[in-house]
Amino acid sequence: MDDQSRHYELLSDDRWLEWNARTWGLRPQRVAYEPDGGEFKLSGVLYTDKRGRVRMPRLNPYVPFRFESSGARRPERMSRQWATVAGLLAKDLAARKTIGQIALPPEFTDARPFQWQGFTVEVRYTYTAALPYAIESASQAVRKNINKAVREGFQFESTESAAEIVKCLQSTANRKGFGYHVDTESLKDLFGLLNADECRAHVVRDATGTVVSAGVRLITVGGTALDWVQGTELEALKRGAAQLMYRGALDDLGTTGAISFDYGGANIQSVTAAKAAWGMTLTPYFVLGQPDARHLYKSARGATKRLFPRPNAQA
């Protein structure tokens, strides 16, 4: 387990924690797991509800944690250190009780300590790329759609209009059957807390000046730029607006001081192909859950069926 860099440091910033507390009603708590001697530690943030149970806030891609070690760099020793502090985190999560699932940043590549404490572990995926991004990495179809959007008079630009962004988010949410659960006022609140080096909002306008695509990215200078929320009108999708949006956003993010881009997930089959077309690296991350009584019952029932299958009625 390698020492963790600060790729997702913005997710542990006091202002981001404050926005999550206001928006979702959860309490952020800084935690640290550091055995005697202080040679290594795991530190980060947990969000808890009114009953003290750990929950993952909406629109948070990962819970922010950082593993640090000042000792020798031998893989075996680092692995033992990681197993120790990750085990302490797992015990804390179990003691507090974890509701739903929480996601670790992609930098954490060993989830065994959580399995050893009885947590379920699932592998999820995102796409990542170095910044500045090279458009030559994208497929010919992506570049063709960008050119199509430009020919039709679409234009990319930065924005400070929360209302225009929410309108596009709602369009996508309605079409896909889910909710972002963020409104104009909460987005304005976020823009007031974070500066332009940490939060970039972008829009694409059609030839009439109407916003047809909009999104927001969260930036850790010296770390990762996260594709946070994004929405596009259906008709504009067919005309290359989404590809023009990401071409512009990636170019802009390359000027912010971020060194990498995280596409914000690649787990929905219907959108994976569109993200893969940008030629980025498929990157796994872990999602943890504490089994409840119903989960344990289903697991035990499944195991029983495998061990003692019902006789074939036609035999």
Protein backbone atom coordinates (compact mmCIF):
# COMPACT_ATOMS: atom_id res chain seq x y z
CA MET A 1 0.00 0.00 0.00
CA ASP A 2 1.68 3.19 -1.14
CA ASP A 3 1.68 6.49 0.70
CA GLN A 4 -1.39 8.47 -0.39
CA SER A 5 -1.00 11.84 -2.12
CA ARG A 6 -3.47 14.69 -1.85
CA HIS A 7 -5.35 14.04 -5.09
CA TYR A 8 -8.80 14.59 -3.58
CA GLU A 9 -7.87 17.08 -0.87
CA LEU A 10 -10.74 19.48 -1.67
CA LEU A 11 -13.19 16.85 -0.38
CA SER A 12 -11.75 17.36 3.12
CA ASP A 13 -11.68 21.18 2.94
CA ASP A 14 -13.63 22.91 5.73
CA ARG A 15 -15.79 24.83 3.23
CA TRP A 16 -16.79 21.65 1.37
CA LEU A 17 -17.61 20.00 4.69
CA GLU A 18 -19.70 23.02 5.65
CA TRP A 19 -21.64 22.89 2.39
CA ASN A 20 -22.40 19.20 2.88
CA ALA A 21 -23.55 19.82 6.44
CA ARG A 22 -25.91 22.60 5.31
CA THR A 23 -27.22 20.76 2.26
CA TRP A 24 -27.65 17.21 3.56
CA GLY A 25 -27.95 17.70 7.33
CA LEU A 26 -25.02 15.42 8.12
CA ARG A 27 -22.23 16.16 10.59
CA PRO A 28 -18.66 15.98 9.23
CA GLN A 29 -16.10 14.64 11.68
CA ARG A 30 -12.35 14.59 11.21
CA VAL A 31 -10.88 11.27 12.33
CA ALA A 32 -7.37 9.88 12.55
CA TYR A 33 -6.06 6.39 13.25
CA GLU A 34 -2.46 6.56 14.43
CA PRO A 35 -0.85 3.74 16.44
CA ASP A 36 1.71 4.56 19.12
CA GLY A 37 4.93 5.94 17.70
CA GLY A 38 3.35 8.10 15.01
CA GLU A 39 5.26 6.44 12.18
CA PHE A 40 2.13 5.98 10.11
CA LYS A 41 -1.50 7.06 10.21
CA LEU A 42 -4.78 7.13 8.31
CA SER A 43 -6.75 10.36 8.53
CA GLY A 44 -9.89 11.67 6.89
CA VAL A 45 -13.52 12.64 7.30
CA LEU A 46 -16.65 10.68 8.22
CA TYR A 47 -20.19 12.05 7.96
CA THR A 48 -22.69 11.03 10.62
CA ASP A 49 -26.43 11.47 11.00
CA LYS A 50 -28.29 12.58 14.14
CA ARG A 51 -27.98 9.08 15.58
CA GLY A 52 -24.21 9.01 15.05
CA ARG A 53 -24.35 6.52 12.18
CA VAL A 54 -21.94 6.91 9.27
CA ARG A 55 -23.51 7.90 5.97
CA MET A 56 -22.15 9.00 2.61
CA PRO A 57 -23.52 12.40 1.55
CA ARG A 58 -25.18 12.71 -1.83
CA LEU A 59 -22.98 14.01 -4.65
CA ASN A 60 -19.79 13.00 -2.85
CA PRO A 61 -17.83 10.63 -5.08
CA TYR A 62 -15.58 9.41 -2.24
CA VAL A 63 -15.02 9.87 1.48
CA PRO A 64 -11.68 11.69 1.78
CA PHE A 65 -8.93 9.68 3.48
CA ARG A 66 -5.16 9.87 3.38
CA PHE A 67 -2.63 7.24 4.40
CA GLU A 68 0.81 8.52 5.46
CA SER A 69 3.95 6.64 6.43
CA SER A 70 7.36 8.03 7.38
CA GLY A 71 8.93 4.59 7.69
CA ALA A 72 10.70 2.31 5.25
CA ARG A 73 9.21 1.88 1.82
CA ARG A 74 9.39 -1.91 1.69
CA PRO A 75 6.06 -3.19 0.29
CA GLU A 76 5.66 -5.79 3.04
CA ARG A 77 6.08 -3.20 5.79
CA MET A 78 3.76 -0.71 4.11
CA SER A 79 1.17 -3.46 3.73
CA ARG A 80 1.32 -4.27 7.46
CA GLN A 81 0.98 -0.59 8.35
CA TRP A 82 -2.01 -0.20 6.05
CA ALA A 83 -3.68 -3.32 7.43
CA THR A 84 -3.30 -1.90 10.96
CA VAL A 85 -4.82 1.54 10.35
CA ALA A 86 -7.44 0.35 7.86
CA GLY A 87 -8.47 -2.25 10.43
CA LEU A 88 -8.90 0.52 13.00
CA LEU A 89 -11.10 2.46 10.57
CA ALA A 90 -13.14 -0.68 9.86
CA LYS A 91 -13.72 -1.27 13.58
CA ASP A 92 -14.75 2.37 14.01
CA LEU A 93 -17.21 2.12 11.10
CA ALA A 94 -18.70 -1.02 12.61
CA ALA A 95 -18.98 0.53 16.07
CA ARG A 96 -20.68 3.66 14.78
CA LYS A 97 -22.80 1.59 12.35
CA THR A 98 -22.56 2.37 8.66
CA ILE A 99 -25.77 3.00 6.73
CA GLY A 100 -25.62 2.35 3.00
CA GLN A 101 -22.26 2.32 1.28
CA ILE A 102 -19.19 4.53 1.41
CA ALA A 103 -16.61 4.83 -1.36
CA LEU A 104 -12.86 5.03 -0.87
CA PRO A 105 -10.77 7.11 -3.31
CA PRO A 106 -9.18 5.15 -6.18
CA GLU A 107 -5.74 5.51 -4.57
CA PHE A 108 -6.65 2.84 -2.01
CA THR A 109 -5.97 -0.50 -3.65
CA ASP A 110 -6.28 -2.95 -0.73
CA ALA A 111 -9.72 -3.50 0.81
CA ARG A 112 -8.92 -6.73 2.64
CA PRO A 113 -8.80 -5.15 6.13
CA PHE A 114 -12.46 -4.18 5.69
CA GLN A 115 -13.42 -7.66 4.51
CA TRP A 116 -11.65 -9.12 7.54
CA GLN A 117 -13.90 -6.98 9.74
CA GLY A 118 -17.03 -8.31 8.00
CA PHE A 119 -17.71 -5.48 5.56
CA THR A 120 -18.94 -6.14 2.06
CA VAL A 121 -16.59 -4.80 -0.60
CA GLU A 122 -17.62 -4.01 -4.16
CA VAL A 123 -15.42 -2.84 -7.00
CA ARG A 124 -16.64 0.21 -8.93
CA TYR A 125 -15.00 2.07 -11.79
CA THR A 126 -14.25 5.54 -13.06
CA TYR A 127 -12.14 6.95 -15.88
CA THR A 128 -9.07 9.06 -15.16
CA ALA A 129 -6.56 11.00 -17.26
CA ALA A 130 -3.53 13.20 -16.81
CA LEU A 131 -3.92 16.96 -17.26
CA PRO A 132 -3.38 18.76 -19.55
CA TYR A 133 -5.52 16.38 -21.59
CA ALA A 134 -4.47 15.49 -25.13
CA ILE A 135 -7.51 15.56 -27.43
CA GLU A 136 -5.69 13.08 -29.70
CA SER A 137 -6.58 10.46 -27.05
CA ALA A 138 -10.27 10.78 -27.92
CA SER A 139 -11.90 8.67 -30.61
CA GLN A 140 -12.52 9.97 -34.10
CA ALA A 141 -16.27 9.98 -33.36
CA VAL A 142 -15.76 12.33 -30.39
CA ARG A 143 -13.70 14.76 -32.45
CA LYS A 144 -16.22 14.59 -35.28
CA ASN A 145 -19.05 15.53 -32.91
CA ILE A 146 -17.02 18.43 -31.50
CA ASN A 147 -16.56 19.81 -35.01
CA LYS A 148 -20.26 19.29 -35.71
CA ALA A 149 -21.26 21.31 -32.65
CA VAL A 150 -18.92 24.15 -33.64
CA ARG A 151 -20.34 24.20 -37.18
CA GLU A 152 -23.86 24.48 -35.74
CA GLY A 153 -22.86 27.55 -33.75
CA PHE A 154 -22.56 26.00 -30.29
CA GLN A 155 -20.17 27.81 -27.96
CA PHE A 156 -18.45 26.76 -24.73
CA GLU A 157 -17.93 29.22 -21.88
CA SER A 158 -17.57 29.52 -18.13
CA THR A 159 -20.56 30.67 -16.10
CA GLU A 160 -21.64 31.81 -12.65
CA SER A 161 -25.34 31.14 -13.24
CA ALA A 162 -26.59 28.46 -10.87
CA ALA A 163 -30.07 28.61 -12.43
CA GLU A 164 -28.79 27.72 -15.91
CA ILE A 165 -26.86 24.78 -14.51
CA VAL A 166 -29.77 23.41 -12.48
CA LYS A 167 -32.03 23.60 -15.55
CA CYS A 168 -29.72 21.27 -17.52
CA LEU A 169 -29.21 18.98 -14.54
CA GLN A 170 -32.96 18.61 -14.16
CA SER A 171 -33.34 17.77 -17.85
CA THR A 172 -30.86 14.91 -17.57
CA ALA A 173 -32.27 13.73 -14.24
CA ASN A 174 -35.80 13.57 -15.66
CA ARG A 175 -34.60 11.67 -18.72
CA LYS A 176 -32.50 9.17 -16.72
CA GLY A 177 -34.99 8.70 -13.89
CA PHE A 178 -32.87 9.93 -10.97
CA GLY A 179 -32.39 13.15 -8.99
CA TYR A 180 -29.34 15.32 -8.29
CA HIS A 181 -31.21 16.82 -5.30
CA VAL A 182 -29.36 20.11 -5.68
CA ASP A 183 -31.29 23.32 -6.33
CA THR A 184 -30.31 26.84 -7.38
CA GLU A 185 -29.90 28.13 -3.82
CA SER A 186 -27.65 25.28 -2.67
CA LEU A 187 -25.51 25.67 -5.80
CA LYS A 188 -25.22 29.41 -5.19
CA ASP A 189 -24.17 28.57 -1.64
CA LEU A 190 -21.38 26.33 -2.96
CA PHE A 191 -20.19 29.01 -5.39
CA GLY A 192 -20.01 31.44 -2.47
CA LEU A 193 -17.86 29.06 -0.41
CA LEU A 194 -15.37 27.87 -3.06
CA ASN A 195 -13.29 30.10 -5.31
CA ALA A 196 -12.78 29.79 -9.06
CA ASP A 197 -9.56 27.83 -8.60
CA GLU A 198 -11.53 25.11 -6.80
CA CYS A 199 -14.93 25.13 -8.50
CA ARG A 200 -15.45 25.68 -12.22
CA ALA A 201 -18.90 25.93 -13.80
CA HIS A 202 -19.26 25.57 -17.57
CA VAL A 203 -22.04 25.87 -20.13
CA VAL A 204 -22.54 25.27 -23.83
CA ARG A 205 -24.91 27.64 -25.63
CA ASP A 206 -26.58 27.01 -28.96
CA ALA A 207 -26.64 29.51 -31.82
CA THR A 208 -29.50 31.44 -30.15
CA GLY A 209 -27.60 31.81 -26.87
CA THR A 210 -29.71 29.24 -25.02
CA VAL A 211 -27.86 27.03 -22.54
CA VAL A 212 -28.14 23.40 -23.69
CA SER A 213 -25.41 21.79 -21.58
CA ALA A 214 -24.00 22.69 -18.15
CA GLY A 215 -21.80 21.22 -15.46
CA VAL A 216 -19.58 21.85 -12.44
CA ARG A 217 -16.09 20.46 -11.66
CA LEU A 218 -14.35 20.37 -8.27
CA ILE A 219 -10.61 21.01 -8.33
CA THR A 220 -7.73 20.16 -6.03
CA VAL A 221 -4.77 22.25 -7.18
CA GLY A 222 -1.82 19.89 -7.49
CA GLY A 223 -4.29 17.01 -7.37
CA THR A 224 -7.43 15.89 -9.18
CA ALA A 225 -10.21 17.75 -10.98
CA LEU A 226 -13.48 15.90 -10.38
CA ASP A 227 -16.33 15.87 -12.89
CA TRP A 228 -18.97 16.65 -10.25
CA VAL A 229 -22.35 17.24 -11.95
CA GLN A 230 -23.28 17.50 -15.62
CA GLY A 231 -26.51 17.78 -17.61
CA THR A 232 -27.40 18.19 -21.31
CA GLU A 233 -30.67 18.73 -23.15
CA LEU A 234 -31.67 15.69 -25.22
CA GLU A 235 -31.79 17.43 -28.61
CA ALA A 236 -28.38 18.99 -28.01
CA LEU A 237 -26.90 15.57 -27.26
CA LYS A 238 -27.55 14.58 -30.84
CA ARG A 239 -25.69 17.65 -32.10
CA GLY A 240 -22.40 17.21 -30.24
CA ALA A 241 -23.04 19.55 -27.30
CA ALA A 242 -21.77 17.07 -24.69
CA GLN A 243 -18.53 16.43 -26.58
CA LEU A 244 -17.95 20.17 -27.01
CA MET A 245 -18.63 20.62 -23.29
CA TYR A 246 -15.98 18.13 -22.25
CA ARG A 247 -13.45 19.39 -24.80
CA GLY A 248 -13.84 22.87 -23.33
CA ALA A 249 -13.92 21.69 -19.71
CA LEU A 250 -10.81 19.54 -20.07
CA ASP A 251 -8.92 22.38 -21.74
CA ASP A 252 -9.99 24.74 -18.96
CA LEU A 253 -9.13 22.28 -16.18
CA GLY A 254 -5.67 21.89 -17.66
CA THR A 255 -4.98 25.53 -16.73
CA THR A 256 -6.05 25.26 -13.08
CA GLY A 257 -3.03 23.50 -11.61
CA ALA A 258 -4.80 20.15 -11.30
CA ILE A 259 -2.66 17.28 -12.54
CA SER A 260 -5.37 14.70 -13.25
CA PHE A 261 -9.05 14.36 -14.15
CA ASP A 262 -11.61 11.96 -12.66
CA TYR A 263 -14.68 11.44 -14.85
CA GLY A 264 -16.90 10.78 -11.82
CA GLY A 265 -17.78 7.12 -12.32
CA ALA A 266 -18.19 4.61 -15.13
CA ASN A 267 -20.72 2.19 -13.69
CA ILE A 268 -23.87 2.86 -15.70
CA GLN A 269 -23.88 0.78 -18.86
CA SER A 270 -25.73 3.38 -20.92
CA VAL A 271 -23.07 6.06 -20.37
CA THR A 272 -19.90 3.98 -20.15
CA ALA A 273 -19.34 3.87 -23.91
CA ALA A 274 -19.58 7.65 -24.17
CA LYS A 275 -16.98 8.10 -21.44
CA ALA A 276 -14.70 5.37 -22.79
CA ALA A 277 -14.53 7.18 -26.13
CA TRP A 278 -12.27 9.81 -24.55
CA GLY A 279 -9.43 7.28 -24.26
CA MET A 280 -8.92 7.62 -20.52
CA THR A 281 -7.74 4.97 -18.08
CA LEU A 282 -10.38 2.70 -16.54
CA THR A 283 -9.69 3.01 -12.81
CA PRO A 284 -11.19 0.84 -10.03
CA TYR A 285 -12.19 1.95 -6.55
CA PHE A 286 -13.80 0.21 -3.59
CA VAL A 287 -17.24 0.66 -2.06
CA LEU A 288 -17.77 -0.62 1.49
CA GLY A 289 -20.96 -1.66 3.25
CA GLN A 290 -21.86 -3.05 6.64
CA PRO A 291 -24.20 -6.01 6.20
CA ASP A 292 -27.57 -5.63 7.90
CA ALA A 293 -29.85 -8.45 9.04
CA ARG A 294 -31.62 -8.68 5.68
CA HIS A 295 -28.31 -8.89 3.80
CA LEU A 296 -27.05 -11.63 6.13
CA TYR A 297 -30.31 -13.56 5.71
CA LYS A 298 -30.11 -13.42 1.91
CA SER A 299 -26.44 -14.44 1.94
CA ALA A 300 -27.14 -17.40 4.23
CA ARG A 301 -30.14 -18.45 2.16
CA GLY A 302 -28.07 -18.31 -1.04
CA ALA A 303 -25.32 -20.39 0.53
CA THR A 304 -27.86 -22.97 1.72
CA LYS A 305 -29.33 -23.28 -1.76
CA ARG A 306 -25.89 -23.83 -3.24
CA LEU A 307 -25.01 -26.51 -0.68
CA PHE A 308 -28.40 -28.22 -0.73
CA PRO A 309 -30.04 -27.68 -4.14
CA ARG A 310 -33.65 -28.70 -4.48
CA PRO A 311 -34.16 -32.00 -6.36
CA ASN A 312 -35.20 -31.63 -9.96
CA ALA A 313 -38.97 -32.13 -10.01
CA GLN A 314 -38.72 -33.85 -13.38
CA ALA A 315 -35.99 -36.28 -12.33
